[in-house]
Amino acid sequence: MKYNLIIIGGGPAGYTAAEAAGKAGLSVLLFEKQNLGGVCLNEGCIPTKTLLYSAKVYDSAKHASKYGVTVPEPSVDLSKIVARKTKVVRKLVLGVKSKLTANNVTIVNGEAVIVGKNSVQCNGETYECENMILCTGSETFVPPIPGVDKISYWTHRDALDNKELPASLVIVGGGVIGMEFASFFNSLGVEVTVVEMLDEILGGMDKELSAMLRADYAKKGIKFLVSTKVTAFNQTEQGTEVLFENQEGEGKIVAEKLLMSVGRRPVTQGFGLENLSLELTERRCIKVNEYMQSSVEGVYVCGDLTGYSLLAHTAVREAEVAVHHILGKKDEMSYRAIPGVVYTNPEIAGVGQTEESLQSAGCAYKSVKLPMAFSGRFVAENEGVNGVCKLLVGEDDSILGVHVYGNPASEIITIAVMAVELGLKTEEWKRIVFPHPTVGEIFREAL
């Protein structure tokens, strides 16, 4: 029962680390108490994108006449959409398991409890290790708003498995998860209201582009209450009553369903973390160095538990760095260019600094904005739709940040990620040959 490496948590960080370590010849044991793939694969990234793609297809069918295509009156079958989502998730989970077993990773399904830095217990057995990687992920945070314990509400997990469309939906929280569900249900004809405490949706994304998305979705029928604090909930015969207050005073709204989407927090309880006495950050997350090492030798931490990003792609890279350090390979984690994407329709994507972060830090910069219509491919595929590409350039002409509003922002942002990570200057980036016609050419046009 001795292993070179024990990993707790089978999400993107955990299964990436396990596969890499197993492929390198280490004996690896992976603990997962629920399903391989973690939140991302089972109830986050993948299932939400599957639903959103169905909504996008439906939107395309409804507006096919813009492209000279006649489509009979389209309709949706939510139960079939959810069934397809389940099928996609099952296929990908099996794929993860197949890759792990192919690389000789031992998988134990159960709740692991840390005894010490070299010892873990699970299902009555004790397992020893030389190194340990903690990848326990995050969980939905539900704030203690008065009445929340007396009402019926959805978390993202409930919304993913719901098979009947409500007539109306209130979403508390206008972050990425909230806006993606707002997009999905709005496309399917549900009356949606988004309540956000901050003065703009999508905190952390470029504020100007977030405002553009909000304006476009307001035209589609979504009602937004920004700078609004929820003060209480009540359950009524008509549905859930949401009481709120803002600059205009107090108010209330009643909807058939309520989705709580305020945020997520790292999972720190239930697996013996307290037995390691790890050094914490000011935000009460686990402190790590550039190799993902904690303050305890041989214990590495990756993914949401570090509290840095709470994004699957960040977790994957952190896991690679941790395994490389265990193997003695030279590598370190860089957070300079972590992309953020919102899979609404249209999409928003950004990387690097925002205007808000640069202004807060007192950094001089130049903002270059260009309509997405400067890309011929974008015009060809987005009839009557606007968009914006924004480059933030430093005094030395280096690319500090890039932000895109318009489809397919999620796919082309990788080009900008490389420019920011490599510290390219505008002239260096402009020398790259972009294929024509592509939406990604918008970066060259802006340069």
Protein backbone atom coordinates (compact mmCIF):
# COMPACT_ATOMS: atom_id res chain seq x y z
CA MET A 1 0.00 0.00 0.00
CA LYS A 2 2.94 2.35 -0.67
CA TYR A 3 2.95 4.74 -3.61
CA ASN A 4 5.26 7.37 -5.07
CA LEU A 5 2.30 9.73 -5.30
CA ILE A 6 -1.16 9.97 -3.75
CA ILE A 7 -3.66 12.41 -5.23
CA ILE A 8 -6.86 13.45 -3.47
CA GLY A 9 -9.52 14.63 -5.92
CA GLY A 10 -10.22 13.41 -9.45
CA GLY A 11 -11.11 16.69 -11.15
CA PRO A 12 -9.05 18.38 -13.92
CA ALA A 13 -6.04 18.92 -11.62
CA GLY A 14 -6.22 15.44 -10.10
CA TYR A 15 -6.68 13.39 -13.24
CA THR A 16 -4.09 15.47 -15.15
CA ALA A 17 -1.52 14.95 -12.40
CA ALA A 18 -2.32 11.24 -12.17
CA GLU A 19 -2.00 10.65 -15.90
CA ALA A 20 1.28 12.62 -16.16
CA ALA A 21 2.82 10.90 -13.14
CA GLY A 22 1.68 7.45 -14.24
CA LYS A 23 3.02 8.02 -17.75
CA ALA A 24 6.39 8.98 -16.21
CA GLY A 25 6.55 5.66 -14.38
CA LEU A 26 5.53 6.68 -10.86
CA SER A 27 3.20 4.48 -8.82
CA VAL A 28 0.09 6.62 -8.45
CA LEU A 29 -3.05 6.33 -6.32
CA LEU A 30 -5.99 8.64 -7.02
CA PHE A 31 -8.87 9.08 -4.55
CA GLU A 32 -12.23 10.41 -5.76
CA LYS A 33 -15.31 10.34 -3.54
CA GLN A 34 -17.84 10.96 -6.32
CA ASN A 35 -17.18 10.82 -10.07
CA LEU A 36 -13.96 11.16 -12.02
CA GLY A 37 -13.80 14.51 -13.79
CA GLY A 38 -14.84 16.54 -10.76
CA VAL A 39 -17.25 19.48 -10.92
CA CYS A 40 -15.93 20.59 -14.32
CA LEU A 41 -16.77 17.43 -16.20
CA ASN A 42 -19.84 16.27 -14.25
CA GLU A 43 -21.70 19.43 -13.28
CA GLY A 44 -19.78 22.43 -14.59
CA CYS A 45 -17.81 23.24 -17.72
CA ILE A 46 -18.83 20.39 -20.00
CA PRO A 47 -22.55 19.92 -19.19
CA THR A 48 -23.24 23.67 -19.25
CA LYS A 49 -21.53 24.04 -22.63
CA THR A 50 -23.55 21.10 -23.95
CA LEU A 51 -26.79 22.82 -22.93
CA LEU A 52 -25.60 26.17 -24.28
CA TYR A 53 -24.76 24.63 -27.64
CA SER A 54 -28.31 23.26 -27.92
CA ALA A 55 -29.60 26.76 -27.15
CA LYS A 56 -27.25 28.21 -29.76
CA VAL A 57 -28.52 25.75 -32.40
CA TYR A 58 -32.07 26.76 -31.51
CA ASP A 59 -31.18 30.46 -31.81
CA SER A 60 -29.58 29.79 -35.19
CA ALA A 61 -32.69 27.98 -36.41
CA LYS A 62 -34.93 30.84 -35.30
CA HIS A 63 -32.81 33.37 -37.19
CA ALA A 64 -31.91 31.23 -40.20
CA SER A 65 -33.81 33.55 -42.54
CA LYS A 66 -31.04 36.14 -42.07
CA TYR A 67 -28.80 33.79 -44.01
CA GLY A 68 -31.31 32.96 -46.75
CA VAL A 69 -32.32 29.67 -45.15
CA THR A 70 -35.95 28.79 -44.45
CA VAL A 71 -36.54 26.62 -41.38
CA PRO A 72 -40.02 25.48 -40.27
CA GLU A 73 -41.04 26.74 -36.84
CA PRO A 74 -38.30 25.30 -34.55
CA SER A 75 -39.03 23.99 -31.08
CA VAL A 76 -37.06 22.55 -28.18
CA ASP A 77 -37.40 19.38 -26.14
CA LEU A 78 -35.65 20.06 -22.84
CA SER A 79 -35.72 16.42 -21.77
CA LYS A 80 -33.80 15.46 -24.92
CA ILE A 81 -31.33 18.32 -24.40
CA VAL A 82 -30.67 17.10 -20.85
CA ALA A 83 -30.40 13.49 -22.03
CA ARG A 84 -27.77 14.51 -24.59
CA LYS A 85 -25.89 16.39 -21.88
CA THR A 86 -25.85 13.25 -19.73
CA LYS A 87 -24.60 11.16 -22.66
CA VAL A 88 -21.75 13.62 -23.38
CA VAL A 89 -20.68 13.68 -19.72
CA ARG A 90 -20.76 9.87 -19.45
CA LYS A 91 -18.63 9.51 -22.59
CA LEU A 92 -15.99 11.94 -21.36
CA VAL A 93 -15.86 10.49 -17.83
CA LEU A 94 -15.22 7.06 -19.32
CA GLY A 95 -12.50 8.61 -21.46
CA VAL A 96 -10.77 10.02 -18.38
CA LYS A 97 -10.94 6.66 -16.61
CA SER A 98 -9.55 4.92 -19.68
CA LYS A 99 -6.54 7.25 -19.84
CA LEU A 100 -5.79 6.76 -16.16
CA THR A 101 -5.98 2.98 -16.24
CA ALA A 102 -3.84 2.96 -19.41
CA ASN A 103 -1.14 4.73 -17.41
CA ASN A 104 -1.37 2.31 -14.46
CA VAL A 105 -3.08 4.73 -12.07
CA THR A 106 -4.86 3.02 -9.17
CA ILE A 107 -8.28 4.60 -8.58
CA VAL A 108 -10.06 4.31 -5.23
CA ASN A 109 -13.64 5.52 -4.93
CA GLY A 110 -14.20 6.83 -1.41
CA GLU A 111 -13.56 9.66 1.03
CA ALA A 112 -9.86 9.91 1.75
CA VAL A 113 -8.70 11.36 5.08
CA ILE A 114 -5.18 12.70 5.55
CA VAL A 115 -3.41 11.27 8.59
CA GLY A 116 -0.07 12.94 7.91
CA LYS A 117 2.01 14.15 4.99
CA ASN A 118 2.87 10.54 4.06
CA SER A 119 -0.30 8.75 5.11
CA VAL A 120 -3.94 8.62 4.00
CA GLN A 121 -6.85 6.48 5.15
CA CYS A 122 -9.88 5.49 3.09
CA ASN A 123 -12.52 2.77 3.44
CA GLY A 124 -10.74 1.35 6.49
CA GLU A 125 -7.39 1.00 4.71
CA THR A 126 -4.16 2.98 5.24
CA TYR A 127 -2.05 4.10 2.28
CA GLU A 128 1.52 5.48 2.41
CA CYS A 129 3.15 7.85 -0.05
CA GLU A 130 6.31 9.80 -0.77
CA ASN A 131 4.46 12.80 -2.21
CA MET A 132 0.89 14.04 -2.06
CA ILE A 133 -1.12 16.37 -4.30
CA LEU A 134 -4.33 17.90 -2.95
CA CYS A 135 -6.94 18.74 -5.61
CA THR A 136 -10.23 18.84 -3.70
CA GLY A 137 -11.88 21.53 -5.83
CA SER A 138 -14.64 23.90 -4.80
CA GLU A 139 -18.32 23.91 -3.88
CA THR A 140 -21.29 26.22 -4.37
CA PHE A 141 -21.50 29.02 -1.82
CA VAL A 142 -24.99 29.91 -0.63
CA PRO A 143 -24.98 33.12 1.45
CA PRO A 144 -26.99 33.17 4.70
CA ILE A 145 -29.70 35.50 3.40
CA PRO A 146 -32.78 35.55 5.67
CA GLY A 147 -35.31 32.97 4.50
CA VAL A 148 -32.92 30.97 2.32
CA ASP A 149 -33.40 27.93 4.56
CA LYS A 150 -37.19 28.08 4.10
CA ILE A 151 -37.40 28.24 0.31
CA SER A 152 -36.87 25.91 -2.61
CA TYR A 153 -34.00 26.95 -4.88
CA TRP A 154 -31.71 25.61 -7.58
CA THR A 155 -27.94 25.41 -7.54
CA HIS A 156 -26.19 24.96 -10.88
CA ARG A 157 -26.46 21.18 -10.38
CA ASP A 158 -30.25 21.32 -10.13
CA ALA A 159 -30.52 23.62 -13.14
CA LEU A 160 -28.48 21.18 -15.24
CA ASP A 161 -30.82 18.26 -14.52
CA ASN A 162 -34.12 20.13 -14.73
CA LYS A 163 -36.34 18.72 -17.48
CA GLU A 164 -39.19 21.24 -17.44
CA LEU A 165 -38.92 24.88 -18.39
CA PRO A 166 -40.21 27.29 -15.73
CA ALA A 167 -42.24 30.28 -16.85
CA SER A 168 -39.95 32.62 -14.93
CA LEU A 169 -36.54 32.44 -13.27
CA VAL A 170 -34.63 34.75 -10.93
CA ILE A 171 -30.86 34.29 -10.87
CA VAL A 172 -29.06 35.67 -7.83
CA GLY A 173 -25.55 36.43 -9.01
CA GLY A 174 -24.49 37.86 -12.37
CA GLY A 175 -21.11 36.13 -12.60
CA VAL A 176 -20.03 33.65 -15.27
CA ILE A 177 -22.25 30.78 -14.10
CA GLY A 178 -25.25 33.05 -13.60
CA MET A 179 -24.93 34.64 -17.02
CA GLU A 180 -24.46 31.34 -18.83
CA PHE A 181 -27.66 29.98 -17.31
CA ALA A 182 -29.39 33.30 -18.02
CA SER A 183 -28.36 32.91 -21.67
CA PHE A 184 -29.58 29.31 -21.84
CA PHE A 185 -33.00 29.87 -20.30
CA ASN A 186 -33.54 33.15 -22.15
CA SER A 187 -32.90 31.41 -25.48
CA LEU A 188 -35.50 28.80 -24.56
CA GLY A 189 -38.15 31.43 -23.82
CA VAL A 190 -38.02 31.69 -20.02
CA GLU A 191 -38.58 35.10 -18.42
CA VAL A 192 -35.25 35.74 -16.70
CA THR A 193 -34.21 38.32 -14.09
CA VAL A 194 -30.59 38.64 -12.92
CA VAL A 195 -29.86 40.25 -9.55
CA GLU A 196 -26.26 41.36 -9.03
CA MET A 197 -24.83 43.17 -6.00
CA LEU A 198 -21.96 44.80 -7.93
CA ASP A 199 -22.49 47.69 -10.34
CA GLU A 200 -21.83 45.44 -13.35
CA ILE A 201 -22.21 41.78 -14.26
CA LEU A 202 -19.19 39.50 -14.78
CA GLY A 203 -16.91 40.97 -12.15
CA GLY A 204 -13.28 40.48 -13.15
CA MET A 205 -13.99 40.64 -16.89
CA ASP A 206 -13.51 43.82 -18.91
CA LYS A 207 -16.21 46.16 -17.63
CA GLU A 208 -16.95 47.87 -20.93
CA LEU A 209 -17.52 44.58 -22.74
CA SER A 210 -19.57 43.21 -19.82
CA ALA A 211 -21.84 46.24 -20.13
CA MET A 212 -22.22 45.54 -23.85
CA LEU A 213 -23.27 41.97 -23.13
CA ARG A 214 -25.76 43.16 -20.53
CA ALA A 215 -27.24 45.68 -22.98
CA ASP A 216 -27.60 43.04 -25.70
CA TYR A 217 -29.29 40.59 -23.35
CA ALA A 218 -31.58 43.32 -22.04
CA LYS A 219 -32.75 43.70 -25.67
CA LYS A 220 -33.41 39.95 -25.69
CA GLY A 221 -35.69 40.34 -22.67
CA ILE A 222 -33.52 39.64 -19.64
CA LYS A 223 -34.15 42.06 -16.77
CA PHE A 224 -31.06 43.15 -14.84
CA LEU A 225 -30.96 44.55 -11.32
CA VAL A 226 -27.34 45.62 -10.75
CA SER A 227 -26.05 47.38 -7.62
CA THR A 228 -28.84 45.46 -5.90
CA LYS A 229 -28.64 43.56 -2.63
CA VAL A 230 -30.99 40.65 -1.90
CA THR A 231 -32.32 41.12 1.64
CA ALA A 232 -34.68 38.18 2.12
CA PHE A 233 -36.60 35.30 0.53
CA ASN A 234 -40.16 34.09 1.00
CA GLN A 235 -41.95 31.06 -0.44
CA THR A 236 -45.40 31.89 -1.83
CA GLU A 237 -48.06 30.04 -3.83
CA GLN A 238 -46.90 31.92 -6.95
CA GLY A 239 -43.25 30.93 -6.44
CA THR A 240 -40.24 32.35 -4.65
CA GLU A 241 -40.38 35.97 -3.55
CA VAL A 242 -37.05 37.81 -3.67
CA LEU A 243 -36.83 40.99 -1.60
CA PHE A 244 -34.10 43.45 -2.52
CA GLU A 245 -32.83 46.98 -2.05
CA ASN A 246 -30.89 49.38 -4.24
CA GLN A 247 -30.53 53.10 -4.87
CA GLU A 248 -34.17 53.29 -5.91
CA GLY A 249 -35.27 51.83 -2.59
CA GLU A 250 -36.77 48.48 -1.65
CA GLY A 251 -38.53 46.11 -4.01
CA LYS A 252 -39.50 42.51 -4.64
CA ILE A 253 -39.89 40.10 -7.51
CA VAL A 254 -41.61 36.72 -7.66
CA ALA A 255 -40.52 33.91 -9.97
CA GLU A 256 -41.45 30.27 -10.43
CA LYS A 257 -37.83 29.21 -9.89
CA LEU A 258 -34.77 30.69 -8.17
CA LEU A 259 -31.16 29.91 -9.09
CA MET A 260 -28.51 30.70 -6.48
CA SER A 261 -25.30 31.54 -8.30
CA VAL A 262 -23.36 33.82 -5.97
CA GLY A 263 -20.04 32.01 -6.23
CA ARG A 264 -17.89 29.06 -5.20
CA ARG A 265 -15.42 28.40 -2.42
CA PRO A 266 -12.59 25.86 -2.04
CA VAL A 267 -13.40 22.58 -0.29
CA THR A 268 -11.26 22.56 2.87
CA GLN A 269 -13.30 20.36 5.23
CA GLY A 270 -13.81 16.62 5.52
CA PHE A 271 -10.49 15.15 4.37
CA GLY A 272 -8.11 15.83 7.28
CA LEU A 273 -6.50 18.97 5.92
CA GLU A 274 -6.12 20.23 9.50
CA ASN A 275 -3.64 17.41 10.17
CA LEU A 276 -1.03 19.03 7.93
CA SER A 277 -0.83 22.52 9.52
CA LEU A 278 -0.32 24.18 6.12
CA GLU A 279 0.47 27.87 5.80
CA LEU A 280 -2.50 29.86 4.51
CA THR A 281 -2.83 33.01 2.40
CA GLU A 282 -4.62 36.17 3.55
CA ARG A 283 -7.75 34.80 1.85
CA ARG A 284 -7.56 31.61 3.98
CA CYS A 285 -6.54 29.44 1.03
CA ILE A 286 -3.46 27.22 0.95
CA LYS A 287 -0.24 29.04 0.18
CA VAL A 288 1.95 27.53 -2.55
CA ASN A 289 5.16 28.52 -4.33
CA GLU A 290 5.87 28.60 -8.07
CA TYR A 291 6.19 24.79 -8.08
CA MET A 292 2.79 24.32 -6.39
CA GLN A 293 4.51 23.19 -3.18
CA SER A 294 2.80 23.94 0.12
CA SER A 295 4.67 24.86 3.28
CA VAL A 296 4.94 21.13 4.11
CA GLU A 297 7.60 19.26 2.16
CA GLY A 298 6.20 16.68 -0.23
CA VAL A 299 2.67 18.16 -0.17
CA TYR A 300 1.52 19.96 -3.33
CA VAL A 301 -1.75 21.81 -3.89
CA CYS A 302 -3.42 22.42 -7.26
CA GLY A 303 -6.72 23.78 -8.54
CA ASP A 304 -9.41 25.60 -6.60
CA LEU A 305 -7.85 24.82 -3.21
CA THR A 306 -5.20 27.48 -3.88
CA GLY A 307 -8.01 30.03 -4.24
CA TYR A 308 -6.27 31.71 -7.12
CA SER A 309 -8.32 31.06 -10.22
CA LEU A 310 -11.07 28.42 -9.74
CA LEU A 311 -10.80 27.59 -13.45
CA ALA A 312 -10.26 24.13 -14.87
CA HIS A 313 -7.56 25.17 -17.34
CA THR A 314 -5.55 26.82 -14.57
CA ALA A 315 -5.83 23.62 -12.51
CA VAL A 316 -4.55 21.50 -15.40
CA ARG A 317 -1.42 23.62 -15.82
CA GLU A 318 -0.80 23.69 -12.05
CA ALA A 319 -0.99 19.89 -11.98
CA GLU A 320 1.60 19.62 -14.75
CA VAL A 321 3.95 21.93 -12.84
CA ALA A 322 3.55 19.93 -9.61
CA VAL A 323 4.29 16.60 -11.30
CA HIS A 324 7.26 18.06 -13.16
CA HIS A 325 8.73 19.26 -9.85
CA ILE A 326 8.24 15.83 -8.29
CA LEU A 327 10.04 14.31 -11.29
CA GLY A 328 12.87 16.83 -11.07
CA LYS A 329 11.97 18.57 -14.34
CA LYS A 330 12.49 22.32 -14.61
CA ASP A 331 9.14 24.10 -14.74
CA GLU A 332 7.18 26.73 -12.81
CA MET A 333 3.68 28.17 -12.75
CA SER A 334 2.91 31.45 -14.48
CA TYR A 335 -0.36 33.30 -13.93
CA ARG A 336 0.43 36.09 -16.37
CA ALA A 337 -1.96 34.88 -19.05
CA ILE A 338 -4.92 32.96 -17.59
CA PRO A 339 -7.82 33.34 -20.04
CA GLY A 340 -11.38 33.88 -18.87
CA VAL A 341 -14.34 32.96 -21.06
CA VAL A 342 -18.09 33.47 -20.76
CA TYR A 343 -19.98 31.09 -23.07
CA THR A 344 -23.01 33.26 -23.66
CA ASN A 345 -24.22 34.02 -27.19
CA PRO A 346 -22.29 36.08 -28.14
CA GLU A 347 -19.25 35.02 -26.12
CA ILE A 348 -16.83 37.17 -24.11
CA ALA A 349 -13.21 36.21 -23.61
CA GLY A 350 -10.26 38.03 -22.09
CA VAL A 351 -6.68 37.52 -20.96
CA GLY A 352 -4.16 39.55 -19.02
CA GLN A 353 -4.87 42.95 -17.50
CA THR A 354 -8.17 44.82 -17.76
CA GLU A 355 -8.50 48.58 -17.92
CA GLU A 356 -9.80 48.46 -14.35
CA SER A 357 -6.80 46.50 -13.04
CA LEU A 358 -4.33 48.75 -14.84
CA GLN A 359 -6.00 51.90 -13.54
CA SER A 360 -6.07 50.47 -10.02
CA ALA A 361 -2.33 49.75 -10.23
CA GLY A 362 -1.57 53.17 -11.71
CA CYS A 363 -0.07 51.66 -14.88
CA ALA A 364 0.07 53.72 -18.07
CA TYR A 365 -1.46 52.02 -21.09
CA LYS A 366 -3.12 52.63 -24.44
CA SER A 367 -6.49 51.08 -25.29
CA VAL A 368 -7.07 50.12 -28.93
CA LYS A 369 -10.63 49.14 -29.84
CA LEU A 370 -11.86 47.81 -33.14
CA PRO A 371 -15.32 46.60 -34.21
CA MET A 372 -15.39 42.88 -34.98
CA ALA A 373 -16.77 43.88 -38.38
CA PHE A 374 -13.14 44.53 -39.42
CA SER A 375 -12.95 40.73 -39.76
CA GLY A 376 -14.52 39.58 -43.02
CA ARG A 377 -15.16 36.12 -41.60
CA PHE A 378 -17.01 37.63 -38.63
CA VAL A 379 -19.28 39.64 -40.95
CA ALA A 380 -19.96 36.56 -43.07
CA GLU A 381 -21.07 34.50 -40.08
CA ASN A 382 -22.70 37.09 -37.80
CA GLU A 383 -25.47 38.85 -39.68
CA GLY A 384 -26.67 41.96 -37.84
CA VAL A 385 -24.45 41.27 -34.81
CA ASN A 386 -21.86 43.67 -33.42
CA GLY A 387 -18.74 42.95 -31.43
CA VAL A 388 -15.55 44.53 -30.17
CA CYS A 389 -11.87 43.61 -29.92
CA LYS A 390 -9.83 45.55 -27.37
CA LEU A 391 -6.03 45.54 -27.00
CA LEU A 392 -4.35 47.06 -23.96
CA VAL A 393 -0.79 48.10 -24.80
CA GLY A 394 1.91 49.20 -22.37
CA GLU A 395 4.28 52.14 -22.74
CA ASP A 396 6.92 49.77 -24.14
CA ASP A 397 4.40 48.50 -26.74
CA SER A 398 4.00 45.12 -24.99
CA ILE A 399 0.59 43.44 -24.99
CA LEU A 400 -0.83 43.75 -21.46
CA GLY A 401 -4.36 42.52 -22.05
CA VAL A 402 -6.75 41.45 -24.80
CA HIS A 403 -10.54 41.31 -24.60
CA VAL A 404 -13.05 40.14 -27.21
CA TYR A 405 -16.83 40.40 -27.43
CA GLY A 406 -18.26 38.32 -30.25
CA ASN A 407 -18.29 34.72 -31.51
CA PRO A 408 -16.12 32.70 -31.43
CA ALA A 409 -14.18 34.61 -28.74
CA SER A 410 -13.55 31.41 -26.79
CA GLU A 411 -11.61 29.88 -29.70
CA ILE A 412 -9.55 32.86 -30.86
CA ILE A 413 -8.50 34.07 -27.40
CA THR A 414 -5.72 31.44 -27.33
CA ILE A 415 -3.85 33.49 -29.93
CA ALA A 416 -3.88 36.43 -27.52
CA VAL A 417 -3.00 34.21 -24.55
CA MET A 418 0.28 33.31 -26.22
CA ALA A 419 1.04 36.96 -27.02
CA VAL A 420 0.50 38.01 -23.40
CA GLU A 421 2.35 35.03 -21.90
CA LEU A 422 5.36 35.53 -24.17
CA GLY A 423 5.39 39.28 -23.56
CA LEU A 424 5.18 40.08 -27.26
CA LYS A 425 5.34 43.67 -28.40
CA THR A 426 2.90 44.91 -31.01
CA GLU A 427 5.42 44.76 -33.86
CA GLU A 428 6.45 41.21 -32.91
CA TRP A 429 2.86 39.99 -32.81
CA LYS A 430 2.04 41.73 -36.10
CA ARG A 431 4.77 39.77 -37.90
CA ILE A 432 2.84 36.54 -37.30
CA VAL A 433 0.98 35.39 -40.43
CA PHE A 434 -2.74 35.00 -39.70
CA PRO A 435 -4.76 32.71 -42.00
CA HIS A 436 -7.40 34.48 -44.09
CA PRO A 437 -10.32 34.66 -43.73
CA THR A 438 -10.55 34.00 -39.99
CA VAL A 439 -12.14 35.82 -37.09
CA GLY A 440 -8.73 35.72 -35.39
CA GLU A 441 -7.48 38.23 -37.97
CA ILE A 442 -9.20 40.87 -35.86
CA PHE A 443 -6.08 40.94 -33.68
CA ARG A 444 -3.89 41.76 -36.67
CA GLU A 445 -6.31 44.46 -37.76
CA ALA A 446 -6.19 45.98 -34.30
CA LEU A 447 -2.38 45.80 -34.28
